[in-house]
All heavy atoms as atom14 arrays in JSON, in Angstrom:
{
  "sequence": "LVNAIKGKPQQAERVGVAIEMGLEALVADHAERAAATA",
  "atom14_mask": [
    [1, 1, 1, 1, 1, 1, 1, 1, 0, 0, 0, 0, 0, 0],
    [1, 1, 1, 1, 1, 1, 1, 0, 0, 0, 0, 0, 0, 0],
    [1, 1, 1, 1, 1, 1, 1, 1, 0, 0, 0, 0, 0, 0],
    [1, 1, 1, 1, 1, 0, 0, 0, 0, 0, 0, 0, 0, 0],
    [1, 1, 1, 1, 1, 1, 1, 1, 0, 0, 0, 0, 0, 0],
    [1, 1, 1, 1, 1, 1, 1, 1, 1, 0, 0, 0, 0, 0],
    [1, 1, 1, 1, 0, 0, 0, 0, 0, 0, 0, 0, 0, 0],
    [1, 1, 1, 1, 1, 1, 1, 1, 1, 0, 0, 0, 0, 0],
    [1, 1, 1, 1, 1, 1, 1, 0, 0, 0, 0, 0, 0, 0],
    [1, 1, 1, 1, 1, 1, 1, 1, 1, 0, 0, 0, 0, 0],
    [1, 1, 1, 1, 1, 1, 1, 1, 1, 0, 0, 0, 0, 0],
    [1, 1, 1, 1, 1, 0, 0, 0, 0, 0, 0, 0, 0, 0],
    [1, 1, 1, 1, 1, 1, 1, 1, 1, 0, 0, 0, 0, 0],
    [1, 1, 1, 1, 1, 1, 1, 1, 1, 1, 1, 0, 0, 0],
    [1, 1, 1, 1, 1, 1, 1, 0, 0, 0, 0, 0, 0, 0],
    [1, 1, 1, 1, 0, 0, 0, 0, 0, 0, 0, 0, 0, 0],
    [1, 1, 1, 1, 1, 1, 1, 0, 0, 0, 0, 0, 0, 0],
    [1, 1, 1, 1, 1, 0, 0, 0, 0, 0, 0, 0, 0, 0],
    [1, 1, 1, 1, 1, 1, 1, 1, 0, 0, 0, 0, 0, 0],
    [1, 1, 1, 1, 1, 1, 1, 1, 1, 0, 0, 0, 0, 0],
    [1, 1, 1, 1, 1, 1, 1, 1, 0, 0, 0, 0, 0, 0],
    [1, 1, 1, 1, 0, 0, 0, 0, 0, 0, 0, 0, 0, 0],
    [1, 1, 1, 1, 1, 1, 1, 1, 0, 0, 0, 0, 0, 0],
    [1, 1, 1, 1, 1, 1, 1, 1, 1, 0, 0, 0, 0, 0],
    [1, 1, 1, 1, 1, 0, 0, 0, 0, 0, 0, 0, 0, 0],
    [1, 1, 1, 1, 1, 1, 1, 1, 0, 0, 0, 0, 0, 0],
    [1, 1, 1, 1, 1, 1, 1, 0, 0, 0, 0, 0, 0, 0],
    [1, 1, 1, 1, 1, 0, 0, 0, 0, 0, 0, 0, 0, 0],
    [1, 1, 1, 1, 1, 1, 1, 1, 0, 0, 0, 0, 0, 0],
    [1, 1, 1, 1, 1, 1, 1, 1, 1, 1, 0, 0, 0, 0],
    [1, 1, 1, 1, 1, 0, 0, 0, 0, 0, 0, 0, 0, 0],
    [1, 1, 1, 1, 1, 1, 1, 1, 1, 0, 0, 0, 0, 0],
    [1, 1, 1, 1, 1, 1, 1, 1, 1, 1, 1, 0, 0, 0],
    [1, 1, 1, 1, 1, 0, 0, 0, 0, 0, 0, 0, 0, 0],
    [1, 1, 1, 1, 1, 0, 0, 0, 0, 0, 0, 0, 0, 0],
    [1, 1, 1, 1, 1, 0, 0, 0, 0, 0, 0, 0, 0, 0],
    [1, 1, 1, 1, 1, 1, 1, 0, 0, 0, 0, 0, 0, 0],
    [1, 1, 1, 1, 1, 0, 0, 0, 0, 0, 0, 0, 0, 0]
  ],
  "atom14_positions": [
    [[0.9, -1.18, 0.0], [0.03, -0.07, 0.05], [0.81, 1.19, -0.06], [0.65, 2.14, -0.77], [-0.92, 0.08, 1.16], [-2.37, -0.45, 1.01], [-2.97, -0.72, 2.42], [-3.23, 0.35, 0.09], [0.0, 0.0, 0.0], [0.0, 0.0, 0.0], [0.0, 0.0, 0.0], [0.0, 0.0, 0.0], [0.0, 0.0, 0.0], [0.0, 0.0, 0.0]],
    [[1.96, 1.28, 0.94], [2.63, 2.37, 0.92], [3.45, 2.6, -0.27], [3.55, 3.76, -0.88], [3.74, 2.25, 2.12], [4.74, 3.44, 2.16], [2.95, 2.22, 3.49], [0.0, 0.0, 0.0], [0.0, 0.0, 0.0], [0.0, 0.0, 0.0], [0.0, 0.0, 0.0], [0.0, 0.0, 0.0], [0.0, 0.0, 0.0], [0.0, 0.0, 0.0]],
    [[3.91, 1.7, -0.92], [4.66, 1.77, -2.1], [3.78, 2.11, -3.31], [4.14, 2.87, -4.11], [5.37, 0.48, -2.5], [6.51, 0.09, -1.5], [7.2, 0.93, -1.06], [6.83, -1.28, -1.32], [0.0, 0.0, 0.0], [0.0, 0.0, 0.0], [0.0, 0.0, 0.0], [0.0, 0.0, 0.0], [0.0, 0.0, 0.0], [0.0, 0.0, 0.0]],
    [[2.53, 1.63, -3.18], [1.51, 1.96, -4.27], [1.15, 3.45, -4.3], [0.91, 3.94, -5.5], [0.25, 1.05, -4.09], [0.0, 0.0, 0.0], [0.0, 0.0, 0.0], [0.0, 0.0, 0.0], [0.0, 0.0, 0.0], [0.0, 0.0, 0.0], [0.0, 0.0, 0.0], [0.0, 0.0, 0.0], [0.0, 0.0, 0.0], [0.0, 0.0, 0.0]],
    [[1.21, 4.11, -3.24], [0.72, 5.53, -3.2], [1.9, 6.57, -3.12], [1.6, 7.74, -2.99], [-0.24, 5.82, -2.14], [0.23, 5.58, -0.76], [-1.5, 5.0, -2.28], [-0.69, 6.0, 0.36], [0.0, 0.0, 0.0], [0.0, 0.0, 0.0], [0.0, 0.0, 0.0], [0.0, 0.0, 0.0], [0.0, 0.0, 0.0], [0.0, 0.0, 0.0]],
    [[3.07, 6.09, -3.07], [4.23, 7.07, -2.97], [4.15, 7.81, -4.24], [3.83, 7.4, -5.38], [5.52, 6.32, -2.94], [5.81, 5.86, -1.53], [7.24, 5.12, -1.55], [7.73, 4.56, -0.24], [9.07, 3.87, -0.29], [0.0, 0.0, 0.0], [0.0, 0.0, 0.0], [0.0, 0.0, 0.0], [0.0, 0.0, 0.0], [0.0, 0.0, 0.0]],
    [[4.38, 9.22, -4.03], [4.44, 10.06, -5.26], [3.15, 10.35, -5.82], [3.06, 10.62, -7.07], [0.0, 0.0, 0.0], [0.0, 0.0, 0.0], [0.0, 0.0, 0.0], [0.0, 0.0, 0.0], [0.0, 0.0, 0.0], [0.0, 0.0, 0.0], [0.0, 0.0, 0.0], [0.0, 0.0, 0.0], [0.0, 0.0, 0.0], [0.0, 0.0, 0.0]],
    [[2.09, 10.27, -5.05], [0.66, 10.55, -5.61], [0.0, 11.73, -5.04], [-1.16, 11.73, -4.69], [-0.25, 9.4, -5.47], [0.17, 8.17, -6.3], [-0.86, 6.97, -6.24], [-0.51, 5.91, -7.09], [-1.53, 4.71, -7.0], [0.0, 0.0, 0.0], [0.0, 0.0, 0.0], [0.0, 0.0, 0.0], [0.0, 0.0, 0.0], [0.0, 0.0, 0.0]],
    [[0.84, 12.9, -4.75], [0.08, 13.95, -4.09], [-1.06, 14.64, -4.83], [-2.06, 15.07, -4.32], [1.19, 14.99, -3.91], [2.25, 14.56, -4.93], [2.2, 13.11, -5.03], [0.0, 0.0, 0.0], [0.0, 0.0, 0.0], [0.0, 0.0, 0.0], [0.0, 0.0, 0.0], [0.0, 0.0, 0.0], [0.0, 0.0, 0.0], [0.0, 0.0, 0.0]],
    [[-0.75, 14.52, -6.21], [-2.03, 15.15, -7.1], [-3.16, 14.15, -7.06], [-4.31, 14.8, -6.9], [-1.51, 15.18, -8.53], [-0.46, 16.23, -8.8], [-0.07, 16.31, -10.28], [-0.37, 15.33, -11.08], [0.62, 17.39, -10.62], [0.0, 0.0, 0.0], [0.0, 0.0, 0.0], [0.0, 0.0, 0.0], [0.0, 0.0, 0.0], [0.0, 0.0, 0.0]],
    [[-3.05, 12.92, -6.81], [-4.23, 12.0, -6.72], [-4.89, 12.3, -5.3], [-6.08, 12.03, -5.36], [-3.72, 10.6, -6.99], [-3.47, 10.25, -8.42], [-3.14, 8.87, -8.59], [-3.08, 8.16, -7.74], [-2.9, 8.45, -9.94], [0.0, 0.0, 0.0], [0.0, 0.0, 0.0], [0.0, 0.0, 0.0], [0.0, 0.0, 0.0], [0.0, 0.0, 0.0]],
    [[-4.08, 12.51, -4.35], [-4.64, 12.75, -3.06], [-5.47, 14.05, -3.17], [-6.54, 14.14, -2.47], [-3.51, 12.91, -2.0], [0.0, 0.0, 0.0], [0.0, 0.0, 0.0], [0.0, 0.0, 0.0], [0.0, 0.0, 0.0], [0.0, 0.0, 0.0], [0.0, 0.0, 0.0], [0.0, 0.0, 0.0], [0.0, 0.0, 0.0], [0.0, 0.0, 0.0]],
    [[-4.87, 15.1, -3.85], [-5.75, 16.3, -4.03], [-7.12, 16.01, -4.7], [-7.99, 16.58, -4.43], [-4.83, 17.38, -4.67], [-3.76, 17.98, -3.93], [-4.27, 18.69, -2.7], [-5.32, 19.23, -2.8], [-3.59, 18.77, -1.72], [0.0, 0.0, 0.0], [0.0, 0.0, 0.0], [0.0, 0.0, 0.0], [0.0, 0.0, 0.0], [0.0, 0.0, 0.0]],
    [[-6.97, 15.17, -5.69], [-8.22, 14.83, -6.52], [-9.32, 14.22, -5.65], [-10.4, 14.4, -5.73], [-7.91, 14.07, -7.63], [-7.04, 14.71, -8.82], [-6.84, 13.71, -9.85], [-5.82, 14.32, -10.82], [-4.87, 13.78, -11.47], [-4.67, 12.49, -11.05], [-4.03, 14.4, -12.22], [0.0, 0.0, 0.0], [0.0, 0.0, 0.0], [0.0, 0.0, 0.0]],
    [[-8.69, 13.23, -4.6], [-9.72, 12.61, -3.78], [-10.28, 13.61, -2.82], [-11.55, 13.66, -2.55], [-8.9, 11.56, -2.95], [-10.02, 11.01, -1.78], [-8.41, 10.44, -3.73], [0.0, 0.0, 0.0], [0.0, 0.0, 0.0], [0.0, 0.0, 0.0], [0.0, 0.0, 0.0], [0.0, 0.0, 0.0], [0.0, 0.0, 0.0], [0.0, 0.0, 0.0]],
    [[-9.38, 14.58, -2.38], [-9.93, 15.61, -1.48], [-11.03, 16.52, -2.13], [-11.98, 16.81, -1.59], [0.0, 0.0, 0.0], [0.0, 0.0, 0.0], [0.0, 0.0, 0.0], [0.0, 0.0, 0.0], [0.0, 0.0, 0.0], [0.0, 0.0, 0.0], [0.0, 0.0, 0.0], [0.0, 0.0, 0.0], [0.0, 0.0, 0.0], [0.0, 0.0, 0.0]],
    [[-10.67, 16.86, -3.39], [-11.79, 17.75, -4.13], [-13.04, 16.92, -4.35], [-14.14, 17.43, -4.17], [-11.14, 18.14, -5.53], [-12.14, 18.76, -6.45], [-9.98, 19.12, -5.3], [0.0, 0.0, 0.0], [0.0, 0.0, 0.0], [0.0, 0.0, 0.0], [0.0, 0.0, 0.0], [0.0, 0.0, 0.0], [0.0, 0.0, 0.0], [0.0, 0.0, 0.0]],
    [[-12.96, 15.62, -4.61], [-14.08, 14.85, -4.76], [-14.9, 14.65, -3.53], [-16.16, 14.63, -3.53], [-13.78, 13.4, -5.3], [0.0, 0.0, 0.0], [0.0, 0.0, 0.0], [0.0, 0.0, 0.0], [0.0, 0.0, 0.0], [0.0, 0.0, 0.0], [0.0, 0.0, 0.0], [0.0, 0.0, 0.0], [0.0, 0.0, 0.0], [0.0, 0.0, 0.0]],
    [[-14.13, 14.58, -2.39], [-14.85, 14.6, -1.05], [-15.56, 15.94, -0.91], [-16.81, 15.86, -0.47], [-13.89, 14.24, 0.18], [-13.32, 12.91, 0.04], [-14.47, 14.54, 1.37], [-12.25, 12.52, 1.03], [0.0, 0.0, 0.0], [0.0, 0.0, 0.0], [0.0, 0.0, 0.0], [0.0, 0.0, 0.0], [0.0, 0.0, 0.0], [0.0, 0.0, 0.0]],
    [[-14.9, 17.01, -1.07], [-15.61, 18.25, -0.9], [-16.77, 18.31, -1.78], [-17.94, 18.85, -1.25], [-14.64, 19.37, -1.11], [-13.54, 19.45, -0.13], [-12.41, 20.53, -0.53], [-12.61, 21.24, -1.49], [-11.38, 20.49, 0.27], [0.0, 0.0, 0.0], [0.0, 0.0, 0.0], [0.0, 0.0, 0.0], [0.0, 0.0, 0.0], [0.0, 0.0, 0.0]],
    [[-16.75, 18.08, -3.12], [-17.88, 18.16, -3.96], [-18.96, 17.26, -3.54], [-20.15, 17.72, -3.55], [-17.3, 18.01, -5.43], [-16.43, 18.98, -5.93], [-15.84, 18.63, -7.56], [-17.28, 18.77, -8.5], [0.0, 0.0, 0.0], [0.0, 0.0, 0.0], [0.0, 0.0, 0.0], [0.0, 0.0, 0.0], [0.0, 0.0, 0.0], [0.0, 0.0, 0.0]],
    [[-18.67, 16.08, -3.2], [-19.64, 15.14, -2.75], [-20.37, 15.56, -1.61], [-21.7, 15.59, -1.48], [0.0, 0.0, 0.0], [0.0, 0.0, 0.0], [0.0, 0.0, 0.0], [0.0, 0.0, 0.0], [0.0, 0.0, 0.0], [0.0, 0.0, 0.0], [0.0, 0.0, 0.0], [0.0, 0.0, 0.0], [0.0, 0.0, 0.0], [0.0, 0.0, 0.0]],
    [[-19.71, 16.11, -0.58], [-20.34, 16.56, 0.65], [-21.12, 17.85, 0.43], [-22.35, 18.06, 0.92], [-19.25, 16.89, 1.79], [-18.83, 15.59, 2.46], [-17.63, 15.89, 3.37], [-19.98, 15.08, 3.4], [0.0, 0.0, 0.0], [0.0, 0.0, 0.0], [0.0, 0.0, 0.0], [0.0, 0.0, 0.0], [0.0, 0.0, 0.0], [0.0, 0.0, 0.0]],
    [[-20.57, 18.71, -0.45], [-21.26, 19.92, -0.67], [-22.61, 19.78, -1.37], [-23.73, 20.22, -1.19], [-20.47, 20.93, -1.6], [-19.37, 21.59, -0.81], [-18.35, 22.22, -1.68], [-18.73, 22.51, -2.96], [-17.25, 22.5, -1.29], [0.0, 0.0, 0.0], [0.0, 0.0, 0.0], [0.0, 0.0, 0.0], [0.0, 0.0, 0.0], [0.0, 0.0, 0.0]],
    [[-22.63, 18.66, -2.38], [-23.76, 18.35, -3.11], [-24.84, 17.71, -2.2], [-26.0, 17.93, -2.4], [-23.39, 17.39, -4.24], [0.0, 0.0, 0.0], [0.0, 0.0, 0.0], [0.0, 0.0, 0.0], [0.0, 0.0, 0.0], [0.0, 0.0, 0.0], [0.0, 0.0, 0.0], [0.0, 0.0, 0.0], [0.0, 0.0, 0.0], [0.0, 0.0, 0.0]],
    [[-24.25, 16.86, -1.21], [-25.15, 16.17, -0.3], [-25.87, 17.16, 0.56], [-27.15, 17.24, 0.82], [-24.33, 15.26, 0.63], [-25.02, 14.32, 1.44], [-25.82, 13.25, 0.67], [-24.12, 13.65, 2.49], [0.0, 0.0, 0.0], [0.0, 0.0, 0.0], [0.0, 0.0, 0.0], [0.0, 0.0, 0.0], [0.0, 0.0, 0.0], [0.0, 0.0, 0.0]],
    [[-25.17, 18.17, 1.15], [-25.8, 19.21, 1.98], [-26.87, 20.01, 1.11], [-27.94, 20.29, 1.65], [-24.7, 20.13, 2.51], [-25.33, 21.37, 3.18], [-23.74, 19.31, 3.44], [0.0, 0.0, 0.0], [0.0, 0.0, 0.0], [0.0, 0.0, 0.0], [0.0, 0.0, 0.0], [0.0, 0.0, 0.0], [0.0, 0.0, 0.0], [0.0, 0.0, 0.0]],
    [[-26.44, 20.47, -0.12], [-27.41, 21.27, -0.86], [-28.72, 20.42, -1.16], [-29.69, 20.95, -1.1], [-26.62, 21.68, -2.09], [0.0, 0.0, 0.0], [0.0, 0.0, 0.0], [0.0, 0.0, 0.0], [0.0, 0.0, 0.0], [0.0, 0.0, 0.0], [0.0, 0.0, 0.0], [0.0, 0.0, 0.0], [0.0, 0.0, 0.0], [0.0, 0.0, 0.0]],
    [[-28.41, 19.14, -1.57], [-29.64, 18.34, -1.79], [-30.66, 18.14, -0.65], [-31.82, 18.41, -0.71], [-29.22, 16.82, -2.2], [-30.25, 16.0, -2.59], [-31.24, 16.33, -3.49], [-30.54, 14.99, -1.94], [0.0, 0.0, 0.0], [0.0, 0.0, 0.0], [0.0, 0.0, 0.0], [0.0, 0.0, 0.0], [0.0, 0.0, 0.0], [0.0, 0.0, 0.0]],
    [[-30.08, 17.9, 0.47], [-30.92, 17.82, 1.75], [-31.55, 19.09, 2.13], [-32.71, 19.09, 2.54], [-30.18, 17.17, 2.9], [-29.9, 15.68, 2.85], [-29.03, 15.19, 1.87], [-30.6, 14.68, 3.37], [-29.06, 13.82, 2.03], [-30.03, 13.47, 2.98], [0.0, 0.0, 0.0], [0.0, 0.0, 0.0], [0.0, 0.0, 0.0], [0.0, 0.0, 0.0]],
    [[-30.79, 20.17, 2.04], [-31.42, 21.56, 2.32], [-32.47, 22.01, 1.26], [-33.37, 22.51, 1.74], [-30.24, 22.57, 2.34], [0.0, 0.0, 0.0], [0.0, 0.0, 0.0], [0.0, 0.0, 0.0], [0.0, 0.0, 0.0], [0.0, 0.0, 0.0], [0.0, 0.0, 0.0], [0.0, 0.0, 0.0], [0.0, 0.0, 0.0], [0.0, 0.0, 0.0]],
    [[-32.28, 21.68, 0.17], [-33.27, 22.11, -0.9], [-34.57, 21.3, -0.62], [-35.64, 21.87, -0.71], [-32.91, 21.8, -2.35], [-31.67, 22.69, -2.82], [-32.32, 24.02, -3.29], [-33.49, 24.34, -3.13], [-31.38, 24.91, -3.59], [0.0, 0.0, 0.0], [0.0, 0.0, 0.0], [0.0, 0.0, 0.0], [0.0, 0.0, 0.0], [0.0, 0.0, 0.0]],
    [[-34.48, 20.0, -0.4], [-35.57, 19.09, -0.13], [-36.31, 19.6, 1.12], [-37.67, 19.53, 1.22], [-35.23, 17.63, -0.12], [-35.11, 17.15, -1.52], [-34.9, 15.6, -1.5], [-33.68, 15.12, -0.96], [-33.29, 13.93, -0.6], [-34.3, 13.12, -0.51], [-32.04, 13.74, -0.13], [0.0, 0.0, 0.0], [0.0, 0.0, 0.0], [0.0, 0.0, 0.0]],
    [[-35.56, 19.84, 2.21], [-36.29, 20.24, 3.37], [-36.84, 21.55, 3.29], [-38.06, 21.81, 3.75], [-35.07, 20.42, 4.52], [0.0, 0.0, 0.0], [0.0, 0.0, 0.0], [0.0, 0.0, 0.0], [0.0, 0.0, 0.0], [0.0, 0.0, 0.0], [0.0, 0.0, 0.0], [0.0, 0.0, 0.0], [0.0, 0.0, 0.0], [0.0, 0.0, 0.0]],
    [[-36.35, 22.6, 2.56], [-36.8, 23.84, 2.28], [-38.25, 23.76, 1.6], [-39.17, 24.38, 1.95], [-36.02, 24.85, 1.62], [0.0, 0.0, 0.0], [0.0, 0.0, 0.0], [0.0, 0.0, 0.0], [0.0, 0.0, 0.0], [0.0, 0.0, 0.0], [0.0, 0.0, 0.0], [0.0, 0.0, 0.0], [0.0, 0.0, 0.0], [0.0, 0.0, 0.0]],
    [[-38.18, 23.01, 0.49], [-39.37, 22.79, -0.31], [-40.51, 22.07, 0.54], [-41.68, 22.51, 0.41], [-39.11, 21.95, -1.58], [0.0, 0.0, 0.0], [0.0, 0.0, 0.0], [0.0, 0.0, 0.0], [0.0, 0.0, 0.0], [0.0, 0.0, 0.0], [0.0, 0.0, 0.0], [0.0, 0.0, 0.0], [0.0, 0.0, 0.0], [0.0, 0.0, 0.0]],
    [[-40.09, 21.08, 1.32], [-41.19, 20.38, 2.16], [-41.74, 21.34, 3.31], [-42.9, 21.37, 3.49], [-40.46, 19.21, 2.91], [-40.0, 18.28, 1.9], [-41.45, 18.45, 3.68], [0.0, 0.0, 0.0], [0.0, 0.0, 0.0], [0.0, 0.0, 0.0], [0.0, 0.0, 0.0], [0.0, 0.0, 0.0], [0.0, 0.0, 0.0], [0.0, 0.0, 0.0]],
    [[-40.85, 22.12, 3.92], [-41.37, 23.01, 5.04], [-42.23, 24.08, 4.3], [-43.38, 24.38, 4.89], [-40.2, 23.61, 5.75], [0.0, 0.0, 0.0], [0.0, 0.0, 0.0], [0.0, 0.0, 0.0], [0.0, 0.0, 0.0], [0.0, 0.0, 0.0], [0.0, 0.0, 0.0], [0.0, 0.0, 0.0], [0.0, 0.0, 0.0], [0.0, 0.0, 0.0]]
  ]
}
């Protein structure tokens, strides 16, 4: 595992961006549905 991910900082950044985008979309989706329902 360690050897497999050595030298992959750019891929780590991509994972981080994907996490952020996924969480932001999740929050927005739940907030939109809650607002419409209320």
